[in-house]
C-alpha cells in the first residue's frame, strides 16, 4: 500500500478512492482503475450552481423529486 492523494474539484479537499478528505491528510489506499470504461455519452440539459458544500443538492432519491424537476432546461 502507498499513500495517494488525488486532486478534487473542491479547493480545500482531495479525492481519495471517491471520498473527499481534508487537504494535507494522507490516506493509505490502493486504487485499481479503470475497472470498466463505458463509452457512452449523454446530452447535458441543465446546469445550476448550488454553491460549495450544499447538503440540499442531493436530499432525496430520484423517485421523490418534485414534479417537473427533471424536465428543467437552460
N, C-alpha and C. Protein backbone atom coordinates (compact mmCIF):
# COMPACT_ATOMS: atom_id res chain seq x y z
N UNK A 1 0.84 -1.19 0.00
CA UNK A 1 0.00 0.00 0.00
C UNK A 1 0.88 1.24 0.00
N UNK A 2 0.34 2.29 -0.60
CA UNK A 2 1.06 3.55 -0.59
C UNK A 2 0.06 4.68 -0.40
N UNK A 3 0.55 5.82 0.06
CA UNK A 3 -0.32 6.98 0.28
C UNK A 3 -0.57 7.66 -1.05
N UNK A 4 -1.86 7.92 -1.35
CA UNK A 4 -2.23 8.51 -2.62
C UNK A 4 -3.14 9.70 -2.35
N UNK A 5 -2.83 10.84 -2.90
CA UNK A 5 -3.73 11.99 -2.86
C UNK A 5 -4.04 12.36 -4.30
N UNK A 6 -5.32 12.45 -4.62
CA UNK A 6 -5.76 12.76 -5.97
C UNK A 6 -6.48 14.11 -5.93
N UNK A 7 -6.18 15.04 -6.85
CA UNK A 7 -6.86 16.34 -6.83
C UNK A 7 -8.38 16.19 -6.95
N UNK A 8 -9.08 17.01 -6.22
CA UNK A 8 -10.55 17.00 -6.21
C UNK A 8 -11.02 18.32 -6.81
N UNK A 9 -12.29 18.40 -7.16
CA UNK A 9 -12.83 19.61 -7.76
C UNK A 9 -12.98 20.73 -6.73
N UNK A 10 -12.98 20.42 -5.45
CA UNK A 10 -13.10 21.44 -4.42
C UNK A 10 -11.71 21.84 -3.95
N UNK A 11 -11.48 23.12 -3.72
CA UNK A 11 -10.14 23.63 -3.43
C UNK A 11 -9.53 23.08 -2.15
N UNK A 12 -10.32 22.87 -1.12
CA UNK A 12 -9.78 22.50 0.18
C UNK A 12 -9.76 21.01 0.43
N UNK A 13 -10.16 20.22 -0.54
CA UNK A 13 -10.26 18.78 -0.33
C UNK A 13 -9.53 18.02 -1.42
N UNK A 14 -9.18 16.80 -1.11
CA UNK A 14 -8.60 15.89 -2.09
C UNK A 14 -9.50 14.67 -2.17
N UNK A 15 -9.63 14.09 -3.34
CA UNK A 15 -10.45 12.90 -3.51
C UNK A 15 -9.57 11.68 -3.38
N UNK A 16 -9.94 10.78 -2.47
CA UNK A 16 -9.19 9.55 -2.27
C UNK A 16 -10.17 8.40 -2.35
N UNK A 17 -10.04 7.58 -3.35
CA UNK A 17 -10.93 6.44 -3.51
C UNK A 17 -12.38 6.85 -3.67
N UNK A 18 -12.64 8.04 -4.21
CA UNK A 18 -14.01 8.50 -4.40
C UNK A 18 -14.54 9.30 -3.23
N UNK A 19 -13.76 9.42 -2.14
CA UNK A 19 -14.19 10.17 -0.96
C UNK A 19 -13.33 11.41 -0.81
N UNK A 20 -13.96 12.55 -0.49
CA UNK A 20 -13.19 13.78 -0.28
C UNK A 20 -12.72 13.83 1.17
N UNK A 21 -11.44 14.10 1.36
CA UNK A 21 -10.86 14.23 2.70
C UNK A 21 -10.14 15.57 2.75
N UNK A 22 -9.98 16.17 3.97
CA UNK A 22 -9.30 17.47 4.06
C UNK A 22 -7.90 17.42 3.47
N UNK A 23 -7.50 18.50 2.82
CA UNK A 23 -6.19 18.56 2.19
C UNK A 23 -5.11 18.42 3.26
N UNK A 24 -4.07 17.72 2.95
CA UNK A 24 -3.00 17.51 3.91
C UNK A 24 -3.08 16.15 4.57
N UNK A 25 -4.24 15.51 4.55
CA UNK A 25 -4.38 14.17 5.11
C UNK A 25 -3.78 13.17 4.13
N UNK A 26 -3.15 12.16 4.65
CA UNK A 26 -2.66 11.07 3.81
C UNK A 26 -3.50 9.85 4.11
N UNK A 27 -3.95 9.19 3.09
CA UNK A 27 -4.82 8.04 3.25
C UNK A 27 -4.17 6.86 2.54
N UNK A 28 -4.03 5.74 3.27
CA UNK A 28 -3.47 4.54 2.66
C UNK A 28 -4.57 3.90 1.82
N UNK A 29 -4.34 3.83 0.53
CA UNK A 29 -5.39 3.36 -0.37
C UNK A 29 -4.74 2.75 -1.60
N UNK A 30 -5.26 1.64 -2.04
CA UNK A 30 -4.82 1.06 -3.30
C UNK A 30 -5.95 1.22 -4.28
N UNK A 31 -5.69 1.94 -5.37
CA UNK A 31 -6.74 2.20 -6.35
C UNK A 31 -6.42 1.39 -7.60
N UNK A 32 -7.32 0.49 -7.95
CA UNK A 32 -7.16 -0.31 -9.16
C UNK A 32 -8.14 0.17 -10.21
N UNK A 33 -7.75 1.11 -11.04
CA UNK A 33 -8.65 1.64 -12.03
C UNK A 33 -7.96 1.72 -13.37
N UNK A 34 -8.58 1.84 -14.48
CA UNK A 34 -10.04 1.72 -14.63
C UNK A 34 -10.46 0.26 -14.64
N UNK A 35 -11.54 -0.02 -13.98
CA UNK A 35 -12.07 -1.38 -13.97
C UNK A 35 -12.91 -1.62 -15.22
N UNK A 36 -13.69 -0.62 -15.62
CA UNK A 36 -14.52 -0.72 -16.81
C UNK A 36 -14.73 0.68 -17.35
N UNK A 37 -14.49 0.87 -18.60
CA UNK A 37 -14.70 2.17 -19.22
C UNK A 37 -15.93 2.06 -20.11
N UNK A 38 -16.97 2.82 -19.77
CA UNK A 38 -18.20 2.81 -20.57
C UNK A 38 -18.10 3.95 -21.58
N UNK A 39 -18.13 3.62 -22.83
CA UNK A 39 -18.03 4.60 -23.90
C UNK A 39 -19.44 5.08 -24.25
N UNK A 40 -20.03 5.85 -23.34
CA UNK A 40 -21.40 6.34 -23.51
C UNK A 40 -21.42 7.85 -23.32
N UNK A 41 -22.35 8.49 -23.98
CA UNK A 41 -22.47 9.94 -23.88
C UNK A 41 -23.93 10.31 -23.62
N UNK A 42 -24.13 11.47 -23.02
CA UNK A 42 -25.47 11.98 -22.78
C UNK A 42 -25.47 13.48 -23.03
N UNK A 43 -26.61 14.01 -23.37
CA UNK A 43 -26.76 15.45 -23.57
C UNK A 43 -26.99 16.12 -22.23
N UNK A 44 -26.20 17.15 -21.92
CA UNK A 44 -26.40 17.92 -20.69
C UNK A 44 -27.49 18.93 -20.97
N UNK A 45 -28.58 18.87 -20.20
CA UNK A 45 -29.73 19.74 -20.47
C UNK A 45 -29.92 20.83 -19.44
N UNK A 46 -29.28 20.72 -18.26
CA UNK A 46 -29.48 21.73 -17.22
C UNK A 46 -28.23 21.82 -16.36
N UNK A 47 -27.74 23.04 -16.14
CA UNK A 47 -26.59 23.28 -15.29
C UNK A 47 -26.98 24.35 -14.28
N UNK A 48 -26.65 24.13 -13.01
CA UNK A 48 -27.02 25.06 -11.95
C UNK A 48 -25.90 25.11 -10.92
N UNK A 49 -25.50 26.29 -10.46
CA UNK A 49 -24.50 26.44 -9.41
C UNK A 49 -25.23 26.49 -8.07
N UNK A 50 -25.04 25.47 -7.27
CA UNK A 50 -25.72 25.38 -5.97
C UNK A 50 -24.80 25.73 -4.81
N UNK A 51 -23.59 26.16 -5.08
CA UNK A 51 -22.66 26.54 -4.03
C UNK A 51 -21.85 25.37 -3.52
N UNK A 52 -20.88 25.68 -2.69
CA UNK A 52 -19.96 24.70 -2.14
C UNK A 52 -20.53 24.07 -0.88
N UNK A 53 -20.41 22.77 -0.73
CA UNK A 53 -20.83 22.02 0.46
C UNK A 53 -22.32 22.18 0.77
N UNK A 54 -23.16 22.24 -0.24
CA UNK A 54 -24.60 22.38 -0.06
C UNK A 54 -25.20 20.99 0.08
N UNK A 55 -25.60 20.62 1.29
CA UNK A 55 -26.14 19.29 1.56
C UNK A 55 -27.54 19.07 0.98
N UNK A 56 -28.20 20.14 0.53
CA UNK A 56 -29.55 20.01 -0.02
C UNK A 56 -29.54 19.66 -1.51
N UNK A 57 -28.37 19.62 -2.13
CA UNK A 57 -28.29 19.33 -3.56
C UNK A 57 -28.83 17.95 -3.85
N UNK A 58 -28.42 16.95 -3.09
CA UNK A 58 -28.94 15.60 -3.23
C UNK A 58 -29.60 15.25 -1.91
N UNK A 59 -30.87 15.61 -1.77
CA UNK A 59 -31.55 15.41 -0.50
C UNK A 59 -32.66 14.38 -0.57
N UNK A 60 -32.86 13.77 -1.75
CA UNK A 60 -33.90 12.75 -1.87
C UNK A 60 -33.58 11.83 -3.05
N UNK A 61 -34.15 10.64 -3.04
CA UNK A 61 -33.94 9.73 -4.17
C UNK A 61 -34.69 10.24 -5.42
N UNK A 62 -34.31 9.76 -6.61
CA UNK A 62 -34.92 10.25 -7.85
C UNK A 62 -36.44 10.13 -7.90
N UNK A 63 -37.00 9.09 -7.29
CA UNK A 63 -38.46 8.93 -7.35
C UNK A 63 -39.21 9.91 -6.45
N UNK A 64 -38.50 10.69 -5.63
CA UNK A 64 -39.14 11.67 -4.75
C UNK A 64 -38.87 13.12 -5.19
N UNK A 65 -38.33 13.31 -6.39
CA UNK A 65 -38.11 14.66 -6.90
C UNK A 65 -39.44 15.36 -7.15
N UNK A 66 -39.49 16.69 -6.99
CA UNK A 66 -40.72 17.42 -7.27
C UNK A 66 -41.15 17.24 -8.72
N UNK A 67 -42.43 17.38 -8.97
CA UNK A 67 -42.97 17.24 -10.33
C UNK A 67 -42.29 18.24 -11.26
N UNK A 68 -41.84 17.77 -12.42
CA UNK A 68 -41.21 18.62 -13.42
C UNK A 68 -39.74 18.93 -13.17
N UNK A 69 -39.16 18.44 -12.10
CA UNK A 69 -37.76 18.74 -11.77
C UNK A 69 -36.81 18.26 -12.86
N UNK A 70 -37.01 17.07 -13.35
CA UNK A 70 -36.12 16.50 -14.37
C UNK A 70 -36.37 17.10 -15.76
N UNK A 71 -37.43 17.86 -15.93
CA UNK A 71 -37.75 18.46 -17.23
C UNK A 71 -37.13 19.85 -17.40
N UNK A 72 -36.42 20.36 -16.39
CA UNK A 72 -35.83 21.70 -16.46
C UNK A 72 -34.75 21.75 -17.54
N UNK A 73 -34.66 22.86 -18.26
CA UNK A 73 -33.67 23.06 -19.33
C UNK A 73 -33.13 24.48 -19.22
N UNK A 74 -31.88 24.66 -19.65
CA UNK A 74 -31.34 26.02 -19.78
C UNK A 74 -30.33 26.08 -20.88
